[in-house]
Protein backbone atom coordinates (compact mmCIF):
# COMPACT_ATOMS: atom_id res chain seq x y z
CA MET A 1 -119.91 23.34 -232.77
CA ARG A 2 -123.41 24.33 -233.84
CA ILE A 3 -126.24 21.81 -233.68
CA ASP A 4 -129.51 22.55 -235.49
CA ALA A 5 -132.28 20.09 -234.64
CA ALA A 6 -135.13 22.19 -236.09
CA GLN A 7 -135.73 19.47 -238.73
CA PHE A 8 -135.41 16.55 -236.30
CA PRO A 9 -134.74 13.65 -237.00
CA PHE A 10 -132.47 15.40 -239.50
CA VAL A 11 -129.90 17.12 -237.29
CA TRP A 12 -127.52 19.52 -239.01
CA ILE A 13 -124.13 19.94 -237.39
CA GLN A 14 -121.40 22.47 -238.12
CA MET A 15 -118.15 21.62 -236.38
CA ALA A 16 -116.38 24.90 -237.17
CA ALA A 17 -119.27 27.19 -236.19
CA PRO A 18 -119.77 28.53 -232.67
CA GLY A 19 -122.76 27.22 -230.74
CA LYS A 20 -125.97 29.21 -230.44
CA ASP A 21 -125.25 29.98 -226.79
CA PRO A 22 -121.56 30.28 -225.82
CA ASN A 23 -122.51 29.43 -222.22
CA VAL A 24 -123.94 26.04 -223.20
CA SER A 25 -121.61 23.19 -224.04
CA PRO A 26 -122.20 21.41 -227.37
CA PHE A 27 -122.14 18.23 -225.28
CA THR A 28 -125.22 19.49 -223.42
CA GLU A 29 -127.05 20.07 -226.71
CA PHE A 30 -126.05 16.61 -227.92
CA GLU A 31 -127.19 15.05 -224.64
CA ALA A 32 -130.59 16.71 -225.11
CA LEU A 33 -130.87 15.01 -228.51
CA LEU A 34 -129.99 11.64 -226.99
CA ALA A 35 -132.44 12.20 -224.13
CA ARG A 36 -135.29 12.29 -226.66
CA GLN A 37 -134.65 8.56 -227.10
CA GLU A 38 -135.58 8.78 -230.77
CA VAL A 39 -133.39 7.84 -233.71
CA PHE A 40 -131.87 10.63 -235.78
CA VAL A 41 -129.24 11.29 -238.44
CA LEU A 42 -126.46 13.85 -238.27
CA LEU A 43 -125.89 15.82 -241.47
CA SER A 44 -123.08 18.18 -242.38
CA ASP A 45 -122.26 20.14 -245.49
CA GLU A 46 -118.93 21.34 -244.14
CA SER A 47 -115.70 20.06 -245.51
CA THR A 48 -114.15 19.35 -242.11
CA MET A 49 -112.90 15.86 -242.82
CA HIS A 50 -109.32 14.74 -242.44
CA GLY A 51 -108.06 17.02 -239.72
CA GLU A 52 -109.20 20.38 -241.07
CA HIS A 53 -110.77 20.95 -237.65
CA GLU A 54 -108.03 19.96 -235.20
CA HIS A 55 -108.77 19.45 -231.51
CA SER A 56 -106.28 20.16 -228.75
CA PRO A 57 -105.16 17.19 -226.62
CA GLU A 58 -107.39 18.45 -223.78
CA GLU A 59 -110.39 18.72 -226.14
CA MET A 60 -109.73 15.17 -227.36
CA LYS A 61 -109.68 13.91 -223.75
CA GLN A 62 -113.03 15.62 -223.07
CA ILE A 63 -114.54 14.24 -226.27
CA THR A 64 -113.30 10.73 -225.51
CA ARG A 65 -114.63 10.81 -221.93
CA TRP A 66 -118.00 12.11 -223.14
CA MET A 67 -118.23 9.56 -225.93
CA LYS A 68 -117.43 6.66 -223.58
CA ALA A 69 -120.08 7.85 -221.11
CA HIS A 70 -122.71 7.98 -223.88
CA LYS A 71 -121.62 5.09 -226.11
CA SER A 72 -124.80 3.03 -225.68
CA GLU A 73 -127.08 6.00 -226.44
CA LEU A 74 -124.98 6.97 -229.46
CA ARG A 75 -125.25 3.46 -230.87
CA ALA A 76 -128.97 3.27 -230.15
CA PHE A 77 -130.15 6.64 -231.45
CA VAL A 78 -127.66 7.99 -234.02
CA LYS A 79 -128.23 6.11 -237.27
CA ALA A 80 -125.28 7.76 -239.06
CA SER A 81 -123.35 10.93 -239.68
CA ILE A 82 -123.69 11.91 -243.33
CA HIS A 83 -121.24 14.43 -244.76
CA ILE A 84 -121.94 16.16 -248.04
CA GLU A 85 -118.85 16.27 -250.22
CA PRO A 86 -119.25 17.05 -253.93
CA ASN A 87 -115.64 16.06 -254.71
CA LYS A 88 -115.54 12.36 -255.65
CA VAL A 89 -111.86 11.97 -254.74
CA LYS A 90 -112.49 13.36 -251.24
CA ARG A 91 -115.52 11.09 -250.80
CA LEU A 92 -113.43 8.06 -251.70
CA ALA A 93 -110.59 9.17 -249.44
CA ALA A 94 -113.02 9.43 -246.53
CA LYS A 95 -113.81 5.70 -246.69
CA THR A 96 -110.65 4.81 -244.77
CA PHE A 97 -111.36 7.45 -242.14
CA ALA A 98 -114.96 6.19 -241.86
CA ILE A 99 -113.76 2.87 -240.45
CA VAL A 100 -111.89 4.58 -237.61
CA TYR A 101 -114.77 7.02 -237.08
CA GLU A 102 -117.34 4.25 -236.63
CA LYS A 103 -115.11 2.35 -234.19
CA PHE A 104 -114.72 5.51 -232.10
CA TRP A 105 -118.26 6.93 -232.21
CA GLY A 106 -120.28 3.73 -232.60
CA TYR A 107 -122.24 4.84 -235.64
CA PRO A 108 -121.27 5.00 -239.32
CA LEU A 109 -119.85 7.93 -241.23
CA MET A 110 -121.30 8.14 -244.72
CA MET A 111 -120.54 10.45 -247.60
CA ALA A 112 -123.00 11.96 -250.07
CA SER A 113 -122.36 13.96 -253.21
CA SER A 114 -125.22 16.42 -252.63
CA LYS A 115 -127.76 17.58 -250.07
CA LYS A 116 -130.44 15.71 -252.02
CA ASP A 117 -128.45 12.45 -251.83
CA ALA A 118 -127.69 13.00 -248.14
CA LEU A 119 -131.36 13.53 -247.28
CA ALA A 120 -132.39 10.48 -249.35
CA THR A 121 -129.82 8.34 -247.52
CA ALA A 122 -130.94 9.73 -244.17
CA GLN A 123 -134.59 9.01 -244.97
CA LYS A 124 -133.72 5.45 -245.98
CA LEU A 125 -131.81 4.88 -242.72
CA LEU A 126 -134.65 6.28 -240.64
CA SER A 127 -137.27 4.17 -242.44
CA GLU A 128 -135.35 1.00 -241.53
CA GLU A 129 -136.37 1.49 -237.91
């Protein structure tokens, strides 16, 4: 997973890409974002919804343990995860998954049809602070 926080509070995430430093866990990078104690929005233009990026059972255990340990920070500082999906059918299909996603991660999963729409939504969420 690659995390790009150069445009913080807009944080771009690529699930299928390797991290910048293979010796640093993506969890460590994510913890550094949470440690800033500032709200931010995750953005992705990958089409990795609906199981295209499968995790092994051991990876899922690690993710679940990490998420539980950081649940309060995730809820406090991550306003949403916004995925850019130009295909209307896929955006609509993601609505069901979004319910499960929010219950697990503690912040909403939103879909946008374009980068412009995603950034506008992100800006709106951040201005509500």
